[in-house]
Amino acid sequence: MNYRLLPAATRRLRSAIALLIISVLALAPFVLIQGKASAAACTAPSTDYGTATTSVSLPAAATYRVWTRINVPDTTNNTYLLEIDGNKCYTVGGGSIATNSWVWVAHQNGNTASTIDVALAQGSRSIKLIGNKPNVKIDRLVFTSDLSCTPTGNGDNCNVPSDTSAPAVRITAPAADASVSGTVNMTATATDTVGVAKVEFYVNSSLLGSDTSSPYGVSWDTTKVPNGTQLLTAKAYDAAGNVGVDSFNVSVENGDKQAPSVPSGLSATATAYNAVTVSWKASTDNTGVKGYTIFRDGLPLADLGNVTTYKDSGLMANTTYSYKVLAFDANGNKSAASNAVSVKTPQPPFNDTEKPTKPTGLTATAASQTQIDLTWVASTDNVGVTKYDIYRATNATDKGEVIGSSQTPSFGDTNLAANTTYTYYVIAKDAAGNSSDASDRATATTNPVPKKKRTIRGVVRDQADNKRIGYASVTYTVDSTKHISQANSRGRYALQHLEPGRYNLTYRANKYYSKTLSVTLGDVTIVKDVTLQKRAQ
């Protein structure tokens, strides 16, 4: 006897299996139709009422309760035979089943207390339905590990076990450490035990785009980021919210990379006791020189346009200064610096004995862990203030020492120690060397160093044979947020950007028992290799 499914019914059945999120077999309602029967565990009745054969994919090993949505003609003709994996046979139904309506049943041999509860392994299970009564109709089967659930409607309310396995994702283009330019396709493969919901693509920490269907990919305009190393990341999500991650670096190389030629013919002439004119020969470049940077005494003085002279004013009389120049183009390529030239300003043409006024309004503000910025109200002088000497002291009375000079009423003190307090004052000077009274002092503390980010990494292996387990997942919690990291095909995993502290790590892999370990992370990277025990088949 055979259950024969009409072609449309067969298509619906296969579709339900392919999209299996809950273990539901959907069949078009059918009546047993005559045909040759065959059975293994079940003995086919002498009267042929038909059979149907299919399979169901179960996401985990568990005890499943099998429910059938059935429509029976009367109280006598109300059963069928269900065979699972060719070695288990159940007479489904019997007893008090409402007639001529679709109802869910999970009992056998007419005993409502004898439910069909079957211990089944993960994976594909073969199913055969064998008719033993006339005019019995069946349209859906539900395999659920939630034994307290009774199907309603289409039976979608009874779900399979919770999905805790993260998808496996791999970036397939561009390749790791590749050099890229222009617009490139960023692609990835992703698989999951249940199904991949979407794949997100990131450049550094910025979301580039996402894709919900395979093949997964987005277009990346590399000209939107600076040249140099960029981190690419792909994150695959499943419907349960599990996340698999793959990432590596590539090198972006766009546009012009040729630097201008080194400026030549540099000369410096003192045009007054407090001014110097610097000139040089123009550089050349394949795309054109955009400008020049001029240095005085080894420090950047000004960024200029495409010119070949510069007047440096407000200098000290009777003082030697050194200058050099480099060229740059529109793409940021810079030449090497020219040779340095030195010049000495002459004595002033009169005897200036009036000192500048005292600088006022000095403020000190921490700009970072290593820099404090100073600003003040400019001094005045009968001839002109040429510079300000900046002093750094250890306290409110210490004389301190000169740490730099500025021609403007501002200064950035760099290369400082983090989380350290510094005290400053300023003295103005004119071209004749007259010094103002010292400004009032200002104090600031540099920013503290943030906590260092560290990594927990290692390899997941089989406990029995020490072979690496590919695509194992590691679950951990940071700031009450659950994170799941995916090992690669070689079983290597890395939990990056972690602050020092204690972490509970749960390792999972298909067909293995999970393991939870507590790891304390200090100021260095921890290598934590793990072995997992395989489940009995």
Protein backbone atom coordinates (compact mmCIF):
# COMPACT_ATOMS: atom_id res chain seq x y z
CA MET A 1 0.00 0.00 0.00
CA ASN A 2 1.29 3.48 -0.79
CA TYR A 3 0.48 6.96 0.35
CA ARG A 4 0.78 8.89 -2.86
CA LEU A 5 1.33 12.65 -2.64
CA LEU A 6 0.16 14.75 -5.52
CA PRO A 7 3.05 16.72 -7.18
CA ALA A 8 2.04 19.95 -5.43
CA ALA A 9 1.96 18.18 -2.10
CA THR A 10 5.42 16.74 -2.71
CA ARG A 11 6.81 20.20 -3.45
CA ARG A 12 5.30 21.63 -0.28
CA LEU A 13 6.80 18.83 1.79
CA ARG A 14 10.30 19.36 0.45
CA SER A 15 10.01 23.12 0.94
CA ALA A 16 9.03 22.67 4.56
CA ILE A 17 12.09 20.51 5.17
CA ALA A 18 14.48 22.88 3.40
CA LEU A 19 13.25 25.81 5.51
CA LEU A 20 13.18 23.81 8.72
CA ILE A 21 13.16 26.17 11.68
CA ILE A 22 10.73 24.05 13.65
CA SER A 23 10.50 20.35 12.98
CA VAL A 24 7.26 20.43 11.03
CA LEU A 25 6.48 18.26 8.02
CA ALA A 26 3.81 19.95 5.94
CA LEU A 27 1.86 17.76 3.52
CA ALA A 28 -1.05 18.60 1.30
CA PRO A 29 -4.13 16.88 2.77
CA PHE A 30 -4.29 13.47 1.17
CA VAL A 31 -6.37 10.30 1.25
CA LEU A 32 -4.73 6.91 0.98
CA ILE A 33 -4.59 5.78 -2.63
CA GLN A 34 -4.11 2.22 -3.80
CA GLY A 35 -0.55 1.16 -4.56
CA LYS A 36 2.04 -1.46 -3.68
CA ALA A 37 3.14 -1.17 -0.03
CA SER A 38 6.49 -2.00 1.51
CA ALA A 39 7.59 -1.71 5.14
CA ALA A 40 10.48 -2.56 7.43
CA ALA A 41 9.57 -2.07 11.09
CA CYS A 42 5.88 -1.77 10.26
CA THR A 43 3.96 -4.68 8.74
CA ALA A 44 1.79 -3.45 5.89
CA PRO A 45 -1.88 -4.46 6.20
CA SER A 46 -3.36 -6.86 3.70
CA THR A 47 -5.55 -4.11 2.28
CA ASP A 48 -3.48 -1.50 0.52
CA TYR A 49 -4.33 2.03 1.71
CA GLY A 50 -1.10 3.62 0.46
CA THR A 51 2.20 4.95 1.86
CA ALA A 52 4.34 8.13 1.75
CA THR A 53 8.07 8.46 2.44
CA THR A 54 10.04 11.60 3.38
CA SER A 55 12.66 12.82 5.87
CA VAL A 56 13.04 15.44 8.59
CA SER A 57 16.22 17.24 9.72
CA LEU A 58 16.54 17.55 13.49
CA PRO A 59 18.85 20.27 14.89
CA ALA A 60 19.92 18.41 18.04
CA ALA A 61 19.83 15.05 19.78
CA ALA A 62 16.79 14.94 22.08
CA THR A 63 13.59 13.11 23.00
CA TYR A 64 10.94 14.27 20.53
CA ARG A 65 7.18 13.99 20.79
CA VAL A 66 5.59 13.26 17.41
CA TRP A 67 2.29 15.01 16.70
CA THR A 68 0.04 14.33 13.67
CA ARG A 69 -2.66 16.61 12.34
CA ILE A 70 -5.30 14.10 11.22
CA ASN A 71 -8.84 14.04 9.82
CA VAL A 72 -10.78 10.74 10.30
CA PRO A 73 -14.15 9.68 8.82
CA ASP A 74 -15.50 7.82 11.86
CA THR A 75 -14.59 6.28 15.23
CA THR A 76 -13.40 3.03 13.68
CA ASN A 77 -11.24 4.25 10.80
CA ASN A 78 -8.95 6.54 12.80
CA THR A 79 -5.33 5.23 12.73
CA TYR A 80 -2.27 4.97 10.49
CA LEU A 81 1.22 3.43 10.85
CA LEU A 82 4.27 5.67 11.39
CA GLU A 83 7.74 4.27 10.80
CA ILE A 84 10.90 6.21 11.88
CA ASP A 85 14.36 5.31 10.51
CA GLY A 86 13.03 1.90 9.42
CA ASN A 87 13.32 0.46 12.94
CA LYS A 88 10.45 1.96 14.96
CA CYS A 89 6.76 1.51 14.18
CA TYR A 90 3.81 3.25 15.86
CA THR A 91 0.05 2.85 15.34
CA VAL A 92 -0.92 6.51 15.54
CA GLY A 93 -4.37 7.50 16.78
CA GLY A 94 -7.35 5.37 17.74
CA GLY A 95 -9.65 6.03 20.65
CA SER A 96 -11.77 9.15 20.91
CA ILE A 97 -10.68 11.28 17.93
CA ALA A 98 -13.20 13.85 16.76
CA THR A 99 -14.45 12.91 13.31
CA ASN A 100 -14.53 14.95 10.10
CA SER A 101 -12.32 17.76 11.48
CA TRP A 102 -8.58 18.45 11.63
CA VAL A 103 -7.16 17.61 15.07
CA TRP A 104 -3.70 17.06 16.56
CA VAL A 105 -2.92 13.66 18.12
CA ALA A 106 0.26 12.28 19.70
CA HIS A 107 -1.00 8.99 21.16
CA GLN A 108 -0.91 5.43 19.87
CA ASN A 109 -3.10 2.32 19.94
CA GLY A 110 -6.13 4.25 21.15
CA ASN A 111 -4.45 5.05 24.50
CA THR A 112 -4.28 8.84 24.96
CA ALA A 113 -1.82 8.38 27.84
CA SER A 114 0.64 6.51 25.58
CA THR A 115 2.33 9.39 23.73
CA ILE A 116 4.78 8.86 20.89
CA ASP A 117 8.03 10.05 22.55
CA VAL A 118 11.14 9.02 20.60
CA ALA A 119 14.85 9.56 21.43
CA LEU A 120 16.39 10.70 18.15
CA ALA A 121 19.88 11.81 17.14
CA GLN A 122 20.70 15.05 15.41
CA GLY A 123 20.47 15.12 11.64
CA SER A 124 18.25 13.64 8.95
CA ARG A 125 15.65 11.05 9.98
CA SER A 126 13.69 8.94 7.47
CA ILE A 127 9.89 8.96 7.88
CA LYS A 128 7.31 6.57 6.35
CA LEU A 129 3.53 6.85 6.69
CA ILE A 130 1.56 3.63 5.99
CA GLY A 131 -2.20 3.51 5.66
CA ASN A 132 -4.12 0.85 7.55
CA LYS A 133 -7.62 2.40 7.54
CA PRO A 134 -9.67 3.87 4.69
CA ASN A 135 -10.29 7.61 4.15
CA VAL A 136 -7.83 8.76 6.84
CA LYS A 137 -6.33 12.18 5.95
CA ILE A 138 -3.01 13.60 7.22
CA ASP A 139 -1.47 16.98 6.37
CA ARG A 140 1.22 17.82 8.98
CA LEU A 141 3.67 16.19 11.37
CA VAL A 142 5.46 18.01 14.23
CA PHE A 143 8.59 16.72 15.98
CA THR A 144 9.08 18.78 19.15
CA SER A 145 11.52 18.38 22.06
CA ASP A 146 9.25 20.57 24.20
CA LEU A 147 7.12 17.73 25.58
CA SER A 148 4.78 20.20 27.28
CA CYS A 149 3.79 21.84 24.00
CA THR A 150 0.51 20.95 22.28
CA PRO A 151 0.38 22.14 18.64
CA THR A 152 -2.30 24.58 17.59
CA GLY A 153 -3.20 25.75 14.12
CA ASN A 154 -0.34 24.76 11.82
CA GLY A 155 1.78 23.61 14.79
CA ASP A 156 4.26 26.48 14.51
CA ASN A 157 3.98 27.16 18.23
CA CYS A 158 6.11 24.10 19.10
CA ASN A 159 9.75 24.99 18.39
CA VAL A 160 12.90 22.91 18.29
CA PRO A 161 15.63 23.34 20.96
CA SER A 162 17.19 26.79 21.42
CA ASP A 163 19.84 27.59 18.84
CA THR A 164 23.16 28.43 20.55
CA SER A 165 25.53 27.78 17.64
CA ALA A 166 26.94 30.86 15.93
CA PRO A 167 27.14 30.92 12.14
CA ALA A 168 30.49 30.20 10.50
CA VAL A 169 31.56 33.15 8.33
CA ARG A 170 34.63 33.71 6.16
CA ILE A 171 35.63 36.79 4.15
CA THR A 172 36.42 35.52 0.65
CA ALA A 173 37.41 38.81 -1.01
CA PRO A 174 39.61 40.74 -0.82
CA ALA A 175 42.29 38.45 0.55
CA ALA A 176 43.98 39.03 3.90
CA ASP A 177 46.85 41.57 3.72
CA ALA A 178 46.00 42.35 0.08
CA SER A 179 46.64 45.78 -1.46
CA VAL A 180 43.39 47.33 -2.72
CA SER A 181 42.39 50.50 -4.54
CA GLY A 182 39.33 52.01 -6.18
CA THR A 183 36.00 50.18 -5.78
CA VAL A 184 36.25 46.53 -4.73
CA ASN A 185 33.71 43.82 -3.89
CA MET A 186 33.83 42.62 -0.29
CA THR A 187 32.33 39.12 -0.17
CA ALA A 188 31.88 36.36 2.39
CA THR A 189 30.52 32.86 2.83
CA ALA A 190 28.34 32.01 5.83
CA THR A 191 26.70 28.81 7.06
CA ASP A 192 24.61 27.92 10.11
CA THR A 193 22.96 24.84 11.60
CA VAL A 194 19.55 26.52 11.22
CA GLY A 195 19.97 29.42 8.82
CA VAL A 196 21.88 32.68 8.28
CA ALA A 197 19.71 35.78 8.73
CA LYS A 198 22.21 38.35 7.42
CA VAL A 199 25.89 39.19 7.04
CA GLU A 200 27.20 42.65 7.98
CA PHE A 201 30.41 44.09 6.52
CA TYR A 202 32.59 46.60 8.38
CA VAL A 203 35.62 48.74 7.53
CA ASN A 204 37.34 49.36 10.87
CA SER A 205 34.35 49.97 13.18
CA SER A 206 32.09 51.55 10.53
CA LEU A 207 29.25 49.50 9.00
CA LEU A 208 29.74 49.34 5.25
CA GLY A 209 26.53 47.43 4.47
CA SER A 210 24.74 44.12 4.91
CA ASP A 211 23.34 41.30 2.76
CA THR A 212 20.58 38.81 3.57
CA SER A 213 21.11 36.22 0.85
CA SER A 214 23.99 34.12 -0.42
CA PRO A 215 26.36 34.91 -2.05
CA TYR A 216 26.91 37.65 0.55
CA GLY A 217 28.68 40.83 -0.49
CA VAL A 218 28.81 44.64 -0.64
CA SER A 219 30.66 47.18 -2.75
CA TRP A 220 33.46 49.15 -1.04
CA ASP A 221 34.79 52.48 -2.33
CA THR A 222 38.29 52.43 -0.87
CA THR A 223 38.84 56.10 -1.75
CA LYS A 224 36.56 56.99 1.21
CA VAL A 225 39.27 55.92 3.69
CA PRO A 226 42.92 57.04 4.05
CA ASN A 227 45.70 55.09 2.42
CA GLY A 228 47.24 52.54 4.77
CA THR A 229 46.13 49.59 6.88
CA GLN A 230 42.35 49.07 7.27
CA LEU A 231 40.55 46.35 9.28
CA LEU A 232 37.82 44.40 7.42
CA THR A 233 35.21 42.49 9.42
CA ALA A 234 32.26 40.27 8.46
CA LYS A 235 29.60 39.40 11.06
CA ALA A 236 27.05 36.65 10.32
CA TYR A 237 23.81 36.56 12.33
CA ASP A 238 21.25 33.77 12.70
CA ALA A 239 17.61 34.11 13.75
CA ALA A 240 18.49 33.38 17.39
CA GLY A 241 20.88 36.32 17.53
CA ASN A 242 24.11 34.27 17.51
CA VAL A 243 26.97 36.06 15.77
CA GLY A 244 30.00 34.65 13.93
CA VAL A 245 32.92 36.96 13.10
CA ASP A 246 35.84 36.97 10.67
CA SER A 247 38.30 39.85 10.26
CA PHE A 248 41.73 40.74 8.91
CA ASN A 249 43.71 43.73 7.60
CA VAL A 250 44.22 44.97 4.06
CA SER A 251 46.30 47.84 2.72
CA VAL A 252 44.54 50.66 0.86
CA GLU A 253 46.69 52.28 -1.82
CA ASN A 254 44.90 54.92 -3.87
CA GLY A 255 45.99 57.83 -5.98
CA ASP A 256 49.39 59.46 -6.41
CA LYS A 257 52.23 58.12 -4.27
CA GLN A 258 55.13 60.04 -5.83
CA ALA A 259 56.67 62.75 -3.63
CA PRO A 260 57.88 66.10 -5.03
CA SER A 261 61.59 66.70 -5.55
CA VAL A 262 63.62 68.16 -2.69
CA PRO A 263 63.72 72.00 -2.71
CA SER A 264 67.20 73.27 -3.64
CA GLY A 265 69.13 76.52 -3.62
CA LEU A 266 67.91 77.52 -0.14
CA SER A 267 69.18 80.90 1.13
CA ALA A 268 68.37 83.10 4.15
CA THR A 269 69.05 86.84 4.46
CA ALA A 270 68.55 89.06 7.54
CA THR A 271 66.60 92.03 6.18
CA ALA A 272 66.28 93.73 9.59
CA TYR A 273 67.34 93.21 13.19
CA ASN A 274 64.09 91.25 13.70
CA ALA A 275 63.35 89.78 10.23
CA VAL A 276 64.78 87.19 7.83
CA THR A 277 63.79 86.43 4.22
CA VAL A 278 64.16 82.80 3.10
CA SER A 279 64.09 81.77 -0.60
CA TRP A 280 64.58 78.54 -2.61
CA LYS A 281 64.22 77.00 -6.04
CA ALA A 282 60.84 75.43 -6.90
CA SER A 283 60.39 71.66 -6.60
CA THR A 284 58.80 69.51 -9.30
CA ASP A 285 56.13 66.79 -9.03
CA ASN A 286 54.28 64.41 -11.38
CA THR A 287 50.91 65.96 -10.46
CA GLY A 288 52.10 69.39 -9.31
CA VAL A 289 53.49 70.93 -6.13
CA LYS A 290 50.78 72.20 -3.79
CA GLY A 291 53.02 74.00 -1.29
CA TYR A 292 55.94 74.02 1.12
CA THR A 293 56.56 73.62 4.84
CA ILE A 294 59.29 75.86 6.30
CA PHE A 295 61.16 74.94 9.48
CA ARG A 296 63.02 77.23 11.86
CA ASP A 297 65.56 75.68 14.22
CA GLY A 298 64.19 72.21 13.40
CA LEU A 299 60.54 73.02 14.23
CA PRO A 300 57.69 73.58 11.71
CA LEU A 301 57.15 77.30 11.27
CA ALA A 302 54.45 77.56 8.57
CA ASP A 303 52.72 75.71 5.72
CA LEU A 304 52.86 77.84 2.58
CA GLY A 305 51.26 77.77 -0.83
CA ASN A 306 53.18 77.23 -4.06
CA VAL A 307 55.64 80.08 -3.40
CA THR A 308 59.45 80.23 -3.23
CA THR A 309 60.02 82.95 -0.61
CA TYR A 310 59.03 83.53 2.99
CA LYS A 311 59.54 86.50 5.35
CA ASP A 312 60.07 85.51 8.98
CA SER A 313 59.45 88.49 11.27
CA GLY A 314 59.31 89.21 15.00
CA LEU A 315 62.74 87.70 15.59
CA MET A 316 65.35 88.42 18.23
CA ALA A 317 68.18 90.82 17.36
CA ASN A 318 71.74 89.52 17.28
CA THR A 319 70.51 85.92 17.16
CA THR A 320 71.36 83.01 14.81
CA TYR A 321 68.49 81.09 13.17
CA SER A 322 68.51 77.94 11.01
CA TYR A 323 65.99 77.22 8.22
CA LYS A 324 65.04 74.33 5.93
CA VAL A 325 62.10 73.60 3.56
CA LEU A 326 60.19 70.57 2.21
CA ALA A 327 57.62 70.34 -0.60
CA PHE A 328 54.23 68.55 -0.64
CA ASP A 329 51.59 67.79 -3.29
CA ALA A 330 47.78 67.66 -3.21
CA ASN A 331 47.79 63.96 -2.26
CA GLY A 332 49.85 64.57 0.88
CA ASN A 333 53.12 63.19 -0.49
CA LYS A 334 56.08 65.03 1.04
CA SER A 335 59.65 65.45 -0.17
CA ALA A 336 62.64 65.11 2.08
CA ALA A 337 63.76 68.35 3.76
CA SER A 338 66.29 70.57 2.05
CA ASN A 339 69.73 71.28 3.47
CA ALA A 340 69.61 73.75 6.37
CA VAL A 341 70.94 77.32 6.08
CA SER A 342 71.74 79.66 8.99
CA VAL A 343 71.64 83.44 9.33
CA LYS A 344 72.29 85.89 12.21
CA THR A 345 70.13 88.96 12.77
CA PRO A 346 72.00 92.27 13.40
CA GLN A 347 71.86 94.53 16.45
CA PRO A 348 68.85 96.90 16.57
CA PRO A 349 69.53 100.46 15.24
CA PHE A 350 68.70 102.12 18.61
CA ASN A 351 69.04 101.49 22.32
CA ASP A 352 65.68 99.96 23.42
CA THR A 353 65.47 99.58 27.20
CA GLU A 354 61.67 99.36 27.70
CA LYS A 355 60.42 95.92 28.63
CA PRO A 356 57.14 94.42 27.31
CA THR A 357 54.07 94.34 29.55
CA LYS A 358 53.39 91.28 31.69
CA PRO A 359 51.42 88.48 29.89
CA THR A 360 48.00 88.02 31.53
CA GLY A 361 45.15 85.49 31.54
CA LEU A 362 47.37 82.39 31.30
CA THR A 363 45.34 79.18 31.15
CA ALA A 364 46.52 75.57 30.98
CA THR A 365 44.30 72.81 29.58
CA ALA A 366 45.04 69.10 29.22
CA ALA A 367 44.71 68.14 25.54
CA SER A 368 45.61 64.46 25.92
CA GLN A 369 47.63 62.03 28.01
CA THR A 370 50.87 63.67 26.81
CA GLN A 371 49.99 67.30 25.97
CA ILE A 372 48.89 70.48 27.79
CA ASP A 373 47.82 73.55 25.78
CA LEU A 374 48.58 77.08 27.04
CA THR A 375 46.91 80.36 26.02
CA TRP A 376 47.30 83.91 27.33
CA VAL A 377 46.57 87.57 26.53
CA ALA A 378 49.29 89.11 24.36
CA SER A 379 51.79 91.60 25.84
CA THR A 380 52.52 95.03 24.35
CA ASP A 381 55.86 96.79 23.77
CA ASN A 382 57.06 100.17 22.53
CA VAL A 383 58.78 98.50 19.56
CA GLY A 384 57.18 95.09 19.43
CA VAL A 385 57.08 91.74 21.22
CA THR A 386 59.18 89.21 19.34
CA LYS A 387 58.49 86.05 21.33
CA TYR A 388 57.29 84.48 24.55
CA ASP A 389 59.44 82.10 26.60
CA ILE A 390 57.41 79.34 28.25
CA TYR A 391 58.56 78.00 31.62
CA ARG A 392 57.55 74.71 33.18
CA ALA A 393 57.89 74.33 36.95
CA THR A 394 57.24 71.57 39.46
CA ASN A 395 55.20 73.72 41.88
CA ALA A 396 53.93 77.25 42.55
CA THR A 397 57.32 78.62 43.69
CA ASP A 398 59.85 76.63 41.65
CA LYS A 399 61.69 78.77 39.07
CA GLY A 400 61.47 75.98 36.51
CA GLU A 401 63.13 76.01 33.10
CA VAL A 402 62.39 77.26 29.58
CA ILE A 403 60.74 74.49 27.56
CA GLY A 404 60.05 76.44 24.38
CA SER A 405 59.19 79.75 22.76
CA SER A 406 56.27 81.06 20.75
CA GLN A 407 55.66 84.15 18.62
CA THR A 408 51.92 83.94 19.31
CA PRO A 409 50.06 83.88 22.67
CA SER A 410 49.63 80.09 22.66
CA PHE A 411 51.80 76.99 23.07
CA GLY A 412 51.41 73.20 23.18
CA ASP A 413 53.65 71.33 25.63
CA THR A 414 54.07 67.75 24.38
CA ASN A 415 55.75 64.48 25.35
CA LEU A 416 54.48 64.72 28.92
CA ALA A 417 53.74 61.91 31.37
CA ALA A 418 50.12 60.78 31.70
CA ASN A 419 48.05 61.69 34.77
CA THR A 420 50.73 64.18 35.94
CA THR A 421 50.33 67.79 37.14
CA TYR A 422 52.45 70.56 35.56
CA THR A 423 52.79 74.28 36.41
CA TYR A 424 53.59 77.00 33.83
CA TYR A 425 54.34 80.71 33.48
CA VAL A 426 55.26 82.94 30.50
CA ILE A 427 57.70 85.84 29.95
CA ALA A 428 57.47 88.18 26.91
CA LYS A 429 60.61 89.47 25.13
CA ASP A 430 61.28 92.17 22.56
CA ALA A 431 63.93 92.40 19.83
CA ALA A 432 66.39 94.15 22.14
CA GLY A 433 66.20 91.26 24.58
CA ASN A 434 64.12 93.08 27.20
CA SER A 435 62.02 90.67 29.31
CA SER A 436 58.60 91.29 30.84
CA ASP A 437 57.60 90.34 34.33
CA ALA A 438 56.52 86.72 34.63
CA SER A 439 52.84 85.95 34.13
CA ASP A 440 50.74 84.42 36.85
CA ARG A 441 51.12 80.64 37.03
CA ALA A 442 48.65 78.11 35.65
CA THR A 443 48.40 74.40 36.45
CA ALA A 444 46.91 71.41 34.59
CA THR A 445 47.00 67.61 34.85
CA THR A 446 47.43 65.40 31.78
CA ASN A 447 44.76 62.80 31.03
CA PRO A 448 45.19 59.34 32.54
CA VAL A 449 46.11 56.35 30.40
CA PRO A 450 42.99 54.28 29.58
CA LYS A 451 42.93 50.66 30.56
CA LYS A 452 44.85 48.53 28.12
CA LYS A 453 42.90 46.21 25.86
CA ARG A 454 44.13 42.64 25.82
CA THR A 455 43.35 39.36 24.05
CA ILE A 456 42.42 35.81 25.06
CA ARG A 457 43.36 33.40 22.29
CA GLY A 458 43.90 29.71 21.81
CA VAL A 459 42.95 26.52 19.96
CA VAL A 460 39.94 24.22 20.46
CA ARG A 461 40.77 20.50 20.11
CA ASP A 462 39.11 17.08 20.38
CA GLN A 463 39.77 15.60 23.82
CA ALA A 464 40.24 12.09 22.45
CA ASP A 465 42.57 12.54 19.48
CA ASN A 466 43.78 16.15 19.98
CA LYS A 467 42.61 17.11 16.49
CA ARG A 468 41.55 20.71 16.01
CA ILE A 469 37.81 21.45 15.97
CA GLY A 470 36.96 23.93 13.23
CA TYR A 471 34.36 26.69 13.68
CA ALA A 472 33.83 26.14 17.42
CA SER A 473 32.14 29.07 19.18
CA VAL A 474 33.22 30.90 22.35
CA THR A 475 30.55 32.75 24.35
CA TYR A 476 31.44 35.44 26.90
CA THR A 477 29.86 38.49 28.54
CA VAL A 478 31.15 42.09 28.62
CA ASP A 479 29.17 44.79 30.47
CA SER A 480 26.10 42.52 30.69
CA THR A 481 26.18 41.98 26.90
CA LYS A 482 26.57 38.48 25.50
CA HIS A 483 29.22 38.06 22.78
CA ILE A 484 29.93 35.04 20.59
CA SER A 485 33.25 34.63 18.76
CA GLN A 486 33.85 32.02 16.06
CA ALA A 487 37.02 29.97 15.74
CA ASN A 488 38.44 29.54 12.24
CA SER A 489 38.63 26.30 10.26
CA ARG A 490 41.83 25.41 12.14
CA GLY A 491 40.14 25.79 15.54
CA ARG A 492 41.93 29.04 16.38
CA TYR A 493 39.99 31.72 18.25
CA ALA A 494 40.81 35.22 19.55
CA LEU A 495 38.74 37.37 21.93
CA GLN A 496 40.15 40.84 21.32
CA HIS A 497 39.91 44.31 22.89
CA LEU A 498 39.17 43.03 26.40
CA GLU A 499 39.88 44.97 29.58
CA PRO A 500 41.69 43.19 32.42
CA GLY A 501 39.27 41.20 34.56
CA ARG A 502 37.59 37.81 35.07
CA TYR A 503 35.65 36.19 32.22
CA ASN A 504 33.49 33.05 32.03
CA LEU A 505 34.05 31.46 28.63
CA THR A 506 31.74 28.79 27.22
CA TYR A 507 33.08 26.69 24.33
CA ARG A 508 30.65 24.88 22.00
CA ALA A 509 31.01 22.80 18.87
CA ASN A 510 28.72 20.60 16.82
CA LYS A 511 28.56 17.01 18.22
CA TYR A 512 30.59 17.98 21.32
CA TYR A 513 29.67 18.67 24.94
CA SER A 514 30.06 22.35 25.86
CA LYS A 515 32.63 23.45 28.44
CA THR A 516 32.69 26.61 30.61
CA LEU A 517 35.97 27.96 32.01
CA SER A 518 36.79 30.98 34.18
CA VAL A 519 39.76 33.02 32.93
CA THR A 520 41.41 35.99 34.67
CA LEU A 521 42.93 38.46 32.18
CA GLY A 522 45.73 40.73 33.38
CA ASP A 523 48.04 43.08 31.49
CA VAL A 524 49.25 40.48 28.98
CA THR A 525 47.60 38.32 26.34
CA ILE A 526 46.46 34.90 27.61
CA VAL A 527 46.78 31.72 25.55
CA LYS A 528 43.96 29.34 26.55
CA ASP A 529 43.83 26.06 24.63
CA VAL A 530 40.71 23.94 25.28
CA THR A 531 39.67 20.34 24.65
CA LEU A 532 36.04 19.25 24.19
CA GLN A 533 34.53 15.80 24.67
CA LYS A 534 32.60 14.34 21.75
CA ARG A 535 28.99 13.27 22.34
CA ALA A 536 28.09 9.61 21.99
CA GLN A 537 26.43 8.92 18.62
